[in-house]
Each structure stands twice: as structure tokens, then as C-alpha cells.
Amino acid sequence: MNRPGLIVGIILLVIGVAVYAYFSTTGHHTIPLGGIGLAVLGALVAAGSAMMKPAGGKVAGQFKCEKCGMTFGSQAALDQHSKDKHGM
């Protein structure tokens, strides 16, 4: 979950609903539609941020070199790298 994105999305959603509620009672015709659009944008940002993986998460099946930090898809590739680059 991307917490800052989620917070921004919720803020946009609340502002959009507030803009719609305020300007729909004053008789404006186009500004309430902008409030609805802002609320929809906020909902999309919040939903997208809630579904995101955390940054730097380890992917299953990845093998990491302890010396230099490179990642490989198989143990054989890691062993070959260690042999070629680090002499192990």
C-alpha cells in the first residue's frame, strides 16, 4: 500500500464532494461537475494506491549476491556470477 498516495486520494475525494455540495446549492451549473470529476479522480488515486505493492519488496524466486547485491532468477545464475565476478 502506498500510504502518501492513499492520503492524497482521500483528500481529493473529500474536496471533490465538498465542491459539489457547495456549488450545487448556489445555482452554478458547470462547477458541480468539476467537483464530481475531482471526487472520481480522488477515488481512483486512492484505490490505485491501496492496491500497489510496497517499494523494494522481494520478488519470489530471486537470488541475491551477498557481495554486490545483484539479483538473479536462479541459483545456478547466482553461482556462476559468484564464480566469475568474485572468484568464489
PDB file of N, CA and C in Angstrom:
ATOM      1  N   MET A   1       0.853  -1.175   0.000  1.00  0.00           N
ATOM      2  CA  MET A   1       0.000   0.000   0.000  1.00  0.00           C
ATOM      3  C   MET A   1       0.894   1.232   0.000  1.00  0.00           C
ATOM      4  N   ASN A   2       0.565   2.166  -0.848  1.00  0.00           N
ATOM      5  CA  ASN A   2       1.287   3.419  -0.951  1.00  0.00           C
ATOM      6  C   ASN A   2       0.543   4.448  -0.097  1.00  0.00           C
ATOM      7  N   ARG A   3       1.013   4.639   1.122  1.00  0.00           N
ATOM      8  CA  ARG A   3       0.290   5.480   2.071  1.00  0.00           C
ATOM      9  C   ARG A   3       0.165   6.940   1.630  1.00  0.00           C
ATOM     10  N   PRO A   4       1.224   7.607   1.144  1.00  0.00           N
ATOM     11  CA  PRO A   4       1.044   9.006   0.719  1.00  0.00           C
ATOM     12  C   PRO A   4       0.052   9.144  -0.438  1.00  0.00           C
ATOM     13  N   GLY A   5       0.074   8.222  -1.368  1.00  0.00           N
ATOM     14  CA  GLY A   5      -0.886   8.262  -2.464  1.00  0.00           C
ATOM     15  C   GLY A   5      -2.308   8.053  -1.980  1.00  0.00           C
ATOM     16  N   LEU A   6      -2.466   7.167  -1.016  1.00  0.00           N
ATOM     17  CA  LEU A   6      -3.788   6.918  -0.447  1.00  0.00           C
ATOM     18  C   LEU A   6      -4.321   8.170   0.243  1.00  0.00           C
ATOM     19  N   ILE A   7      -3.464   8.858   0.972  1.00  0.00           N
ATOM     20  CA  ILE A   7      -3.871  10.084   1.674  1.00  0.00           C
ATOM     21  C   ILE A   7      -4.253  11.160   0.673  1.00  0.00           C
ATOM     22  N   VAL A   8      -3.460  11.335  -0.385  1.00  0.00           N
ATOM     23  CA  VAL A   8      -3.775  12.333  -1.413  1.00  0.00           C
ATOM     24  C   VAL A   8      -5.100  11.980  -2.090  1.00  0.00           C
ATOM     25  N   GLY A   9      -5.323  10.715  -2.376  1.00  0.00           N
ATOM     26  CA  GLY A   9      -6.574  10.299  -2.992  1.00  0.00           C
ATOM     27  C   GLY A   9      -7.784  10.597  -2.126  1.00  0.00           C
ATOM     28  N   ILE A  10      -7.660  10.338  -0.847  1.00  0.00           N
ATOM     29  CA  ILE A  10      -8.772  10.609   0.072  1.00  0.00           C
ATOM     30  C   ILE A  10      -9.027  12.107   0.176  1.00  0.00           C
ATOM     31  N   ILE A  11      -7.955  12.904   0.214  1.00  0.00           N
ATOM     32  CA  ILE A  11      -8.114  14.355   0.272  1.00  0.00           C
ATOM     33  C   ILE A  11      -8.816  14.865  -0.987  1.00  0.00           C
ATOM     34  N   LEU A  12      -8.407  14.373  -2.163  1.00  0.00           N
ATOM     35  CA  LEU A  12      -9.066  14.786  -3.403  1.00  0.00           C
ATOM     36  C   LEU A  12     -10.537  14.377  -3.405  1.00  0.00           C
ATOM     37  N   LEU A  13     -10.832  13.203  -2.902  1.00  0.00           N
ATOM     38  CA  LEU A  13     -12.212  12.734  -2.837  1.00  0.00           C
ATOM     39  C   LEU A  13     -13.061  13.649  -1.959  1.00  0.00           C
ATOM     40  N   VAL A  14     -12.539  14.000  -0.789  1.00  0.00           N
ATOM     41  CA  VAL A  14     -13.283  14.856   0.141  1.00  0.00           C
ATOM     42  C   VAL A  14     -13.466  16.258  -0.448  1.00  0.00           C
ATOM     43  N   ILE A  15     -12.419  16.808  -1.056  1.00  0.00           N
ATOM     44  CA  ILE A  15     -12.528  18.138  -1.667  1.00  0.00           C
ATOM     45  C   ILE A  15     -13.536  18.114  -2.816  1.00  0.00           C
ATOM     46  N   GLY A  16     -13.513  17.063  -3.622  1.00  0.00           N
ATOM     47  CA  GLY A  16     -14.463  16.954  -4.727  1.00  0.00           C
ATOM     48  C   GLY A  16     -15.901  16.907  -4.249  1.00  0.00           C
ATOM     49  N   VAL A  17     -16.153  16.136  -3.206  1.00  0.00           N
ATOM     50  CA  VAL A  17     -17.518  16.062  -2.659  1.00  0.00           C
ATOM     51  C   VAL A  17     -17.924  17.411  -2.071  1.00  0.00           C
ATOM     52  N   ALA A  18     -16.989  18.083  -1.394  1.00  0.00           N
ATOM     53  CA  ALA A  18     -17.301  19.394  -0.808  1.00  0.00           C
ATOM     54  C   ALA A  18     -17.588  20.426  -1.897  1.00  0.00           C
ATOM     55  N   VAL A  19     -16.806  20.428  -2.979  1.00  0.00           N
ATOM     56  CA  VAL A  19     -17.038  21.364  -4.087  1.00  0.00           C
ATOM     57  C   VAL A  19     -18.406  21.096  -4.707  1.00  0.00           C
ATOM     58  N   TYR A  20     -18.724  19.844  -4.917  1.00  0.00           N
ATOM     59  CA  TYR A  20     -20.034  19.509  -5.494  1.00  0.00           C
ATOM     60  C   TYR A  20     -21.168  19.969  -4.571  1.00  0.00           C
ATOM     61  N   ALA A  21     -21.044  19.685  -3.294  1.00  0.00           N
ATOM     62  CA  ALA A  21     -22.114  20.037  -2.356  1.00  0.00           C
ATOM     63  C   ALA A  21     -22.284  21.558  -2.259  1.00  0.00           C
ATOM     64  N   TYR A  22     -21.194  22.286  -2.210  1.00  0.00           N
ATOM     65  CA  TYR A  22     -21.284  23.739  -2.064  1.00  0.00           C
ATOM     66  C   TYR A  22     -21.863  24.396  -3.314  1.00  0.00           C
ATOM     67  N   PHE A  23     -21.294  24.068  -4.480  1.00  0.00           N
ATOM     68  CA  PHE A  23     -21.709  24.767  -5.688  1.00  0.00           C
ATOM     69  C   PHE A  23     -23.032  24.266  -6.255  1.00  0.00           C
ATOM     70  N   SER A  24     -23.489  23.099  -5.872  1.00  0.00           N
ATOM     71  CA  SER A  24     -24.791  22.654  -6.361  1.00  0.00           C
ATOM     72  C   SER A  24     -25.923  23.398  -5.659  1.00  0.00           C
ATOM     73  N   THR A  25     -25.654  23.894  -4.472  1.00  0.00           N
ATOM     74  CA  THR A  25     -26.687  24.646  -3.755  1.00  0.00           C
ATOM     75  C   THR A  25     -26.712  26.114  -4.163  1.00  0.00           C
ATOM     76  N   THR A  26     -25.643  26.630  -4.791  1.00  0.00           N
ATOM     77  CA  THR A  26     -25.603  28.051  -5.156  1.00  0.00           C
ATOM     78  C   THR A  26     -26.134  28.322  -6.556  1.00  0.00           C
ATOM     79  N   GLY A  27     -26.457  27.309  -7.334  1.00  0.00           N
ATOM     80  CA  GLY A  27     -27.042  27.501  -8.644  1.00  0.00           C
ATOM     81  C   GLY A  27     -26.056  27.476  -9.793  1.00  0.00           C
ATOM     82  N   HIS A  28     -24.804  27.198  -9.555  1.00  0.00           N
ATOM     83  CA  HIS A  28     -23.848  27.065 -10.650  1.00  0.00           C
ATOM     84  C   HIS A  28     -24.115  25.759 -11.389  1.00  0.00           C
ATOM     85  N   HIS A  29     -23.830  25.757 -12.686  1.00  0.00           N
ATOM     86  CA  HIS A  29     -24.138  24.572 -13.471  1.00  0.00           C
ATOM     87  C   HIS A  29     -22.911  23.740 -13.822  1.00  0.00           C
ATOM     88  N   THR A  30     -21.783  24.377 -14.051  1.00  0.00           N
ATOM     89  CA  THR A  30     -20.613  23.616 -14.505  1.00  0.00           C
ATOM     90  C   THR A  30     -19.669  23.249 -13.372  1.00  0.00           C
ATOM     91  N   ILE A  31     -19.571  24.035 -12.344  1.00  0.00           N
ATOM     92  CA  ILE A  31     -18.615  23.759 -11.264  1.00  0.00           C
ATOM     93  C   ILE A  31     -18.968  22.485 -10.495  1.00  0.00           C
ATOM     94  N   PRO A  32     -20.248  22.151 -10.239  1.00  0.00           N
ATOM     95  CA  PRO A  32     -20.522  20.879  -9.567  1.00  0.00           C
ATOM     96  C   PRO A  32     -20.022  19.669 -10.344  1.00  0.00           C
ATOM     97  N   LEU A  33     -20.025  19.768 -11.676  1.00  0.00           N
ATOM     98  CA  LEU A  33     -19.499  18.660 -12.470  1.00  0.00           C
ATOM     99  C   LEU A  33     -17.995  18.521 -12.265  1.00  0.00           C
ATOM    100  N   GLY A  34     -17.309  19.629 -12.085  1.00  0.00           N
ATOM    101  CA  GLY A  34     -15.884  19.580 -11.769  1.00  0.00           C
ATOM    102  C   GLY A  34     -15.641  18.934 -10.415  1.00  0.00           C
ATOM    103  N   GLY A  35     -16.524  19.175  -9.480  1.00  0.00           N
ATOM    104  CA  GLY A  35     -16.423  18.543  -8.164  1.00  0.00           C
ATOM    105  C   GLY A  35     -16.599  17.043  -8.254  1.00  0.00           C
ATOM    106  N   ILE A  36     -17.530  16.608  -9.103  1.00  0.00           N
ATOM    107  CA  ILE A  36     -17.726  15.173  -9.306  1.00  0.00           C
ATOM    108  C   ILE A  36     -16.483  14.561  -9.940  1.00  0.00           C
ATOM    109  N   GLY A  37     -15.924  15.253 -10.932  1.00  0.00           N
ATOM    110  CA  GLY A  37     -14.703  14.767 -11.577  1.00  0.00           C
ATOM    111  C   GLY A  37     -13.552  14.670 -10.607  1.00  0.00           C
ATOM    112  N   LEU A  38     -13.406  15.665  -9.739  1.00  0.00           N
ATOM    113  CA  LEU A  38     -12.341  15.640  -8.737  1.00  0.00           C
ATOM    114  C   LEU A  38     -12.554  14.501  -7.741  1.00  0.00           C
ATOM    115  N   ALA A  39     -13.798  14.242  -7.372  1.00  0.00           N
ATOM    116  CA  ALA A  39     -14.087  13.141  -6.458  1.00  0.00           C
ATOM    117  C   ALA A  39     -13.776  11.793  -7.100  1.00  0.00           C
ATOM    118  N   VAL A  40     -14.111  11.640  -8.378  1.00  0.00           N
ATOM    119  CA  VAL A  40     -13.804  10.390  -9.084  1.00  0.00           C
ATOM    120  C   VAL A  40     -12.294  10.203  -9.202  1.00  0.00           C
ATOM    121  N   LEU A  41     -11.574  11.281  -9.527  1.00  0.00           N
ATOM    122  CA  LEU A  41     -10.116  11.208  -9.595  1.00  0.00           C
ATOM    123  C   LEU A  41      -9.527  10.805  -8.247  1.00  0.00           C
ATOM    124  N   GLY A  42     -10.024  11.388  -7.177  1.00  0.00           N
ATOM    125  CA  GLY A  42      -9.550  11.036  -5.842  1.00  0.00           C
ATOM    126  C   GLY A  42      -9.815   9.580  -5.510  1.00  0.00           C
ATOM    127  N   ALA A  43     -10.982   9.077  -5.901  1.00  0.00           N
ATOM    128  CA  ALA A  43     -11.306   7.677  -5.644  1.00  0.00           C
ATOM    129  C   ALA A  43     -10.377   6.755  -6.421  1.00  0.00           C
ATOM    130  N   LEU A  44     -10.065   7.116  -7.672  1.00  0.00           N
ATOM    131  CA  LEU A  44      -9.157   6.298  -8.475  1.00  0.00           C
ATOM    132  C   LEU A  44      -7.741   6.300  -7.913  1.00  0.00           C
ATOM    133  N   VAL A  45      -7.265   7.461  -7.489  1.00  0.00           N
ATOM    134  CA  VAL A  45      -5.923   7.546  -6.902  1.00  0.00           C
ATOM    135  C   VAL A  45      -5.858   6.743  -5.610  1.00  0.00           C
ATOM    136  N   ALA A  46      -6.874   6.853  -4.778  1.00  0.00           N
ATOM    137  CA  ALA A  46      -6.897   6.112  -3.519  1.00  0.00           C
ATOM    138  C   ALA A  46      -6.944   4.609  -3.758  1.00  0.00           C
ATOM    139  N   ALA A  47      -7.765   4.180  -4.703  1.00  0.00           N
ATOM    140  CA  ALA A  47      -7.863   2.747  -4.993  1.00  0.00           C
ATOM    141  C   ALA A  47      -6.566   2.220  -5.590  1.00  0.00           C
ATOM    142  N   GLY A  48      -5.968   2.967  -6.502  1.00  0.00           N
ATOM    143  CA  GLY A  48      -4.704   2.545  -7.091  1.00  0.00           C
ATOM    144  C   GLY A  48      -3.585   2.482  -6.066  1.00  0.00           C
ATOM    145  N   SER A  49      -3.548   3.437  -5.166  1.00  0.00           N
ATOM    146  CA  SER A  49      -2.517   3.451  -4.131  1.00  0.00           C
ATOM    147  C   SER A  49      -2.716   2.317  -3.137  1.00  0.00           C
ATOM    148  N   ALA A  50      -3.951   1.971  -2.863  1.00  0.00           N
ATOM    149  CA  ALA A  50      -4.219   0.889  -1.919  1.00  0.00           C
ATOM    150  C   ALA A  50      -3.808  -0.464  -2.496  1.00  0.00           C
ATOM    151  N   MET A  51      -3.830  -0.598  -3.825  1.00  0.00           N
ATOM    152  CA  MET A  51      -3.505  -1.879  -4.441  1.00  0.00           C
ATOM    153  C   MET A  51      -2.032  -2.027  -4.797  1.00  0.00           C
ATOM    154  N   MET A  52      -1.246  -0.978  -4.628  1.00  0.00           N
ATOM    155  CA  MET A  52       0.168  -1.038  -5.002  1.00  0.00           C
ATOM    156  C   MET A  52       0.965  -1.896  -4.022  1.00  0.00           C
ATOM    157  N   LYS A  53       2.017  -2.546  -4.552  1.00  0.00           N
ATOM    158  CA  LYS A  53       2.937  -3.282  -3.702  1.00  0.00           C
ATOM    159  C   LYS A  53       3.876  -2.283  -3.027  1.00  0.00           C
ATOM    160  N   PRO A  54       4.382  -2.627  -1.863  1.00  0.00           N
ATOM    161  CA  PRO A  54       5.359  -1.738  -1.237  1.00  0.00           C
ATOM    162  C   PRO A  54       6.647  -1.684  -2.055  1.00  0.00           C
ATOM    163  N   ALA A  55       7.280  -0.537  -2.074  1.00  0.00           N
ATOM    164  CA  ALA A  55       8.527  -0.381  -2.824  1.00  0.00           C
ATOM    165  C   ALA A  55       9.622  -1.223  -2.182  1.00  0.00           C
ATOM    166  N   GLY A  56      10.420  -1.848  -3.012  1.00  0.00           N
ATOM    167  CA  GLY A  56      11.542  -2.637  -2.509  1.00  0.00           C
ATOM    168  C   GLY A  56      11.159  -4.005  -1.990  1.00  0.00           C
ATOM    169  N   GLY A  57       9.944  -4.438  -2.272  1.00  0.00           N
ATOM    170  CA  GLY A  57       9.517  -5.757  -1.829  1.00  0.00           C
ATOM    171  C   GLY A  57      10.266  -6.850  -2.566  1.00  0.00           C
ATOM    172  N   LYS A  58      10.569  -7.933  -1.877  1.00  0.00           N
ATOM    173  CA  LYS A  58      11.309  -9.017  -2.502  1.00  0.00           C
ATOM    174  C   LYS A  58      10.377  -9.838  -3.381  1.00  0.00           C
ATOM    175  N   VAL A  59      10.835 -10.101  -4.576  1.00  0.00           N
ATOM    176  CA  VAL A  59      10.076 -10.907  -5.514  1.00  0.00           C
ATOM    177  C   VAL A  59      10.424 -12.370  -5.271  1.00  0.00           C
ATOM    178  N   ALA A  60       9.421 -13.236  -5.255  1.00  0.00           N
ATOM    179  CA  ALA A  60       9.652 -14.655  -5.023  1.00  0.00           C
ATOM    180  C   ALA A  60      10.512 -15.225  -6.138  1.00  0.00           C
ATOM    181  N   GLY A  61      11.456 -16.085  -5.793  1.00  0.00           N
ATOM    182  CA  GLY A  61      12.297 -16.740  -6.775  1.00  0.00           C
ATOM    183  C   GLY A  61      13.517 -15.935  -7.166  1.00  0.00           C
ATOM    184  N   GLN A  62      13.846 -14.892  -6.425  1.00  0.00           N
ATOM    185  CA  GLN A  62      15.020 -14.081  -6.717  1.00  0.00           C
ATOM    186  C   GLN A  62      16.146 -14.472  -5.766  1.00  0.00           C
ATOM    187  N   PHE A  63      17.343 -14.572  -6.317  1.00  0.00           N
ATOM    188  CA  PHE A  63      18.524 -14.904  -5.536  1.00  0.00           C
ATOM    189  C   PHE A  63      19.456 -13.709  -5.572  1.00  0.00           C
ATOM    190  N   LYS A  64      19.925 -13.259  -4.407  1.00  0.00           N
ATOM    191  CA  LYS A  64      20.709 -12.044  -4.297  1.00  0.00           C
ATOM    192  C   LYS A  64      22.144 -12.355  -3.903  1.00  0.00           C
ATOM    193  N   CYS A  65      23.083 -11.705  -4.586  1.00  0.00           N
ATOM    194  CA  CYS A  65      24.501 -11.853  -4.272  1.00  0.00           C
ATOM    195  C   CYS A  65      24.798 -11.080  -2.990  1.00  0.00           C
ATOM    196  N   GLU A  66      25.462 -11.719  -2.048  1.00  0.00           N
ATOM    197  CA  GLU A  66      25.760 -11.077  -0.780  1.00  0.00           C
ATOM    198  C   GLU A  66      26.867 -10.036  -0.906  1.00  0.00           C
ATOM    199  N   LYS A  67      27.724 -10.173  -1.893  1.00  0.00           N
ATOM    200  CA  LYS A  67      28.849  -9.246  -2.049  1.00  0.00           C
ATOM    201  C   LYS A  67      28.448  -7.941  -2.725  1.00  0.00           C
ATOM    202  N   CYS A  68      27.714  -8.032  -3.843  1.00  0.00           N
ATOM    203  CA  CYS A  68      27.432  -6.823  -4.621  1.00  0.00           C
ATOM    204  C   CYS A  68      25.955  -6.455  -4.689  1.00  0.00           C
ATOM    205  N   GLY A  69      25.056  -7.335  -4.279  1.00  0.00           N
ATOM    206  CA  GLY A  69      23.638  -7.023  -4.241  1.00  0.00           C
ATOM    207  C   GLY A  69      22.865  -7.296  -5.514  1.00  0.00           C
ATOM    208  N   MET A  70      23.504  -7.841  -6.550  1.00  0.00           N
ATOM    209  CA  MET A  70      22.784  -8.166  -7.784  1.00  0.00           C
ATOM    210  C   MET A  70      21.814  -9.318  -7.531  1.00  0.00           C
ATOM    211  N   THR A  71      20.696  -9.302  -8.263  1.00  0.00           N
ATOM    212  CA  THR A  71      19.706 -10.369  -8.110  1.00  0.00           C
ATOM    213  C   THR A  71      19.654 -11.216  -9.369  1.00  0.00           C
ATOM    214  N   PHE A  72      19.337 -12.488  -9.173  1.00  0.00           N
ATOM    215  CA  PHE A  72      19.300 -13.454 -10.272  1.00  0.00           C
ATOM    216  C   PHE A  72      18.059 -14.306 -10.133  1.00  0.00           C
ATOM    217  N   GLY A  73      17.606 -14.861 -11.256  1.00  0.00           N
ATOM    218  CA  GLY A  73      16.395 -15.668 -11.281  1.00  0.00           C
ATOM    219  C   GLY A  73      16.592 -17.106 -10.862  1.00  0.00           C
ATOM    220  N   SER A  74      17.855 -17.566 -10.777  1.00  0.00           N
ATOM    221  CA  SER A  74      18.083 -18.954 -10.392  1.00  0.00           C
ATOM    222  C   SER A  74      19.363 -19.055  -9.566  1.00  0.00           C
ATOM    223  N   GLN A  75      19.461 -20.141  -8.829  1.00  0.00           N
ATOM    224  CA  GLN A  75      20.651 -20.381  -8.018  1.00  0.00           C
ATOM    225  C   GLN A  75      21.866 -20.623  -8.911  1.00  0.00           C
ATOM    226  N   ALA A  76      21.662 -21.274 -10.054  1.00  0.00           N
ATOM    227  CA  ALA A  76      22.769 -21.533 -10.970  1.00  0.00           C
ATOM    228  C   ALA A  76      23.364 -20.229 -11.507  1.00  0.00           C
ATOM    229  N   ALA A  77      22.509 -19.262 -11.831  1.00  0.00           N
ATOM    230  CA  ALA A  77      22.999 -17.978 -12.313  1.00  0.00           C
ATOM    231  C   ALA A  77      23.766 -17.240 -11.218  1.00  0.00           C
ATOM    232  N   LEU A  78      23.286 -17.324  -9.978  1.00  0.00           N
ATOM    233  CA  LEU A  78      23.995 -16.706  -8.862  1.00  0.00           C
ATOM    234  C   LEU A  78      25.348 -17.370  -8.645  1.00  0.00           C
ATOM    235  N   ASP A  79      25.382 -18.698  -8.724  1.00  0.00           N
ATOM    236  CA  ASP A  79      26.649 -19.421  -8.554  1.00  0.00           C
ATOM    237  C   ASP A  79      27.643 -19.049  -9.644  1.00  0.00           C
ATOM    238  N   GLN A  80      27.174 -18.946 -10.882  1.00  0.00           N
ATOM    239  CA  GLN A  80      28.057 -18.568 -11.988  1.00  0.00           C
ATOM    240  C   GLN A  80      28.567 -17.151 -11.816  1.00  0.00           C
ATOM    241  N   HIS A  81      27.720 -16.253 -11.378  1.00  0.00           N
ATOM    242  CA  HIS A  81      28.128 -14.869 -11.121  1.00  0.00           C
ATOM    243  C   HIS A  81      29.177 -14.813 -10.029  1.00  0.00           C
ATOM    244  N   SER A  82      28.931 -15.541  -8.949  1.00  0.00           N
ATOM    245  CA  SER A  82      29.882 -15.556  -7.833  1.00  0.00           C
ATOM    246  C   SER A  82      31.236 -16.082  -8.271  1.00  0.00           C
ATOM    247  N   LYS A  83      31.224 -17.093  -9.110  1.00  0.00           N
ATOM    248  CA  LYS A  83      32.450 -17.678  -9.607  1.00  0.00           C
ATOM    249  C   LYS A  83      33.194 -16.705 -10.526  1.00  0.00           C
ATOM    250  N   ASP A  84      32.468 -16.081 -11.448  1.00  0.00           N
ATOM    251  CA  ASP A  84      33.092 -15.182 -12.426  1.00  0.00           C
ATOM    252  C   ASP A  84      33.533 -13.848 -11.823  1.00  0.00           C
ATOM    253  N   LYS A  85      32.702 -13.243 -11.029  1.00  0.00           N
ATOM    254  CA  LYS A  85      32.981 -11.881 -10.552  1.00  0.00           C
ATOM    255  C   LYS A  85      33.723 -11.825  -9.220  1.00  0.00           C
ATOM    256  N   HIS A  86      33.468 -12.784  -8.364  1.00  0.00           N
ATOM    257  CA  HIS A  86      34.033 -12.713  -7.012  1.00  0.00           C
ATOM    258  C   HIS A  86      35.050 -13.822  -6.738  1.00  0.00           C
ATOM    259  N   GLY A  87      35.233 -14.731  -7.672  1.00  0.00           N
ATOM    260  CA  GLY A  87      36.224 -15.799  -7.503  1.00  0.00           C
ATOM    261  C   GLY A  87      35.871 -16.794  -6.428  1.00  0.00           C
ATOM    262  N   MET A  88      34.616 -17.021  -6.211  1.00  0.00           N
ATOM    263  CA  MET A  88      34.188 -17.958  -5.158  1.00  0.00           C
ATOM    264  C   MET A  88      33.721 -19.258  -5.780  1.00  0.00           C
TER     265      MET A  88
END
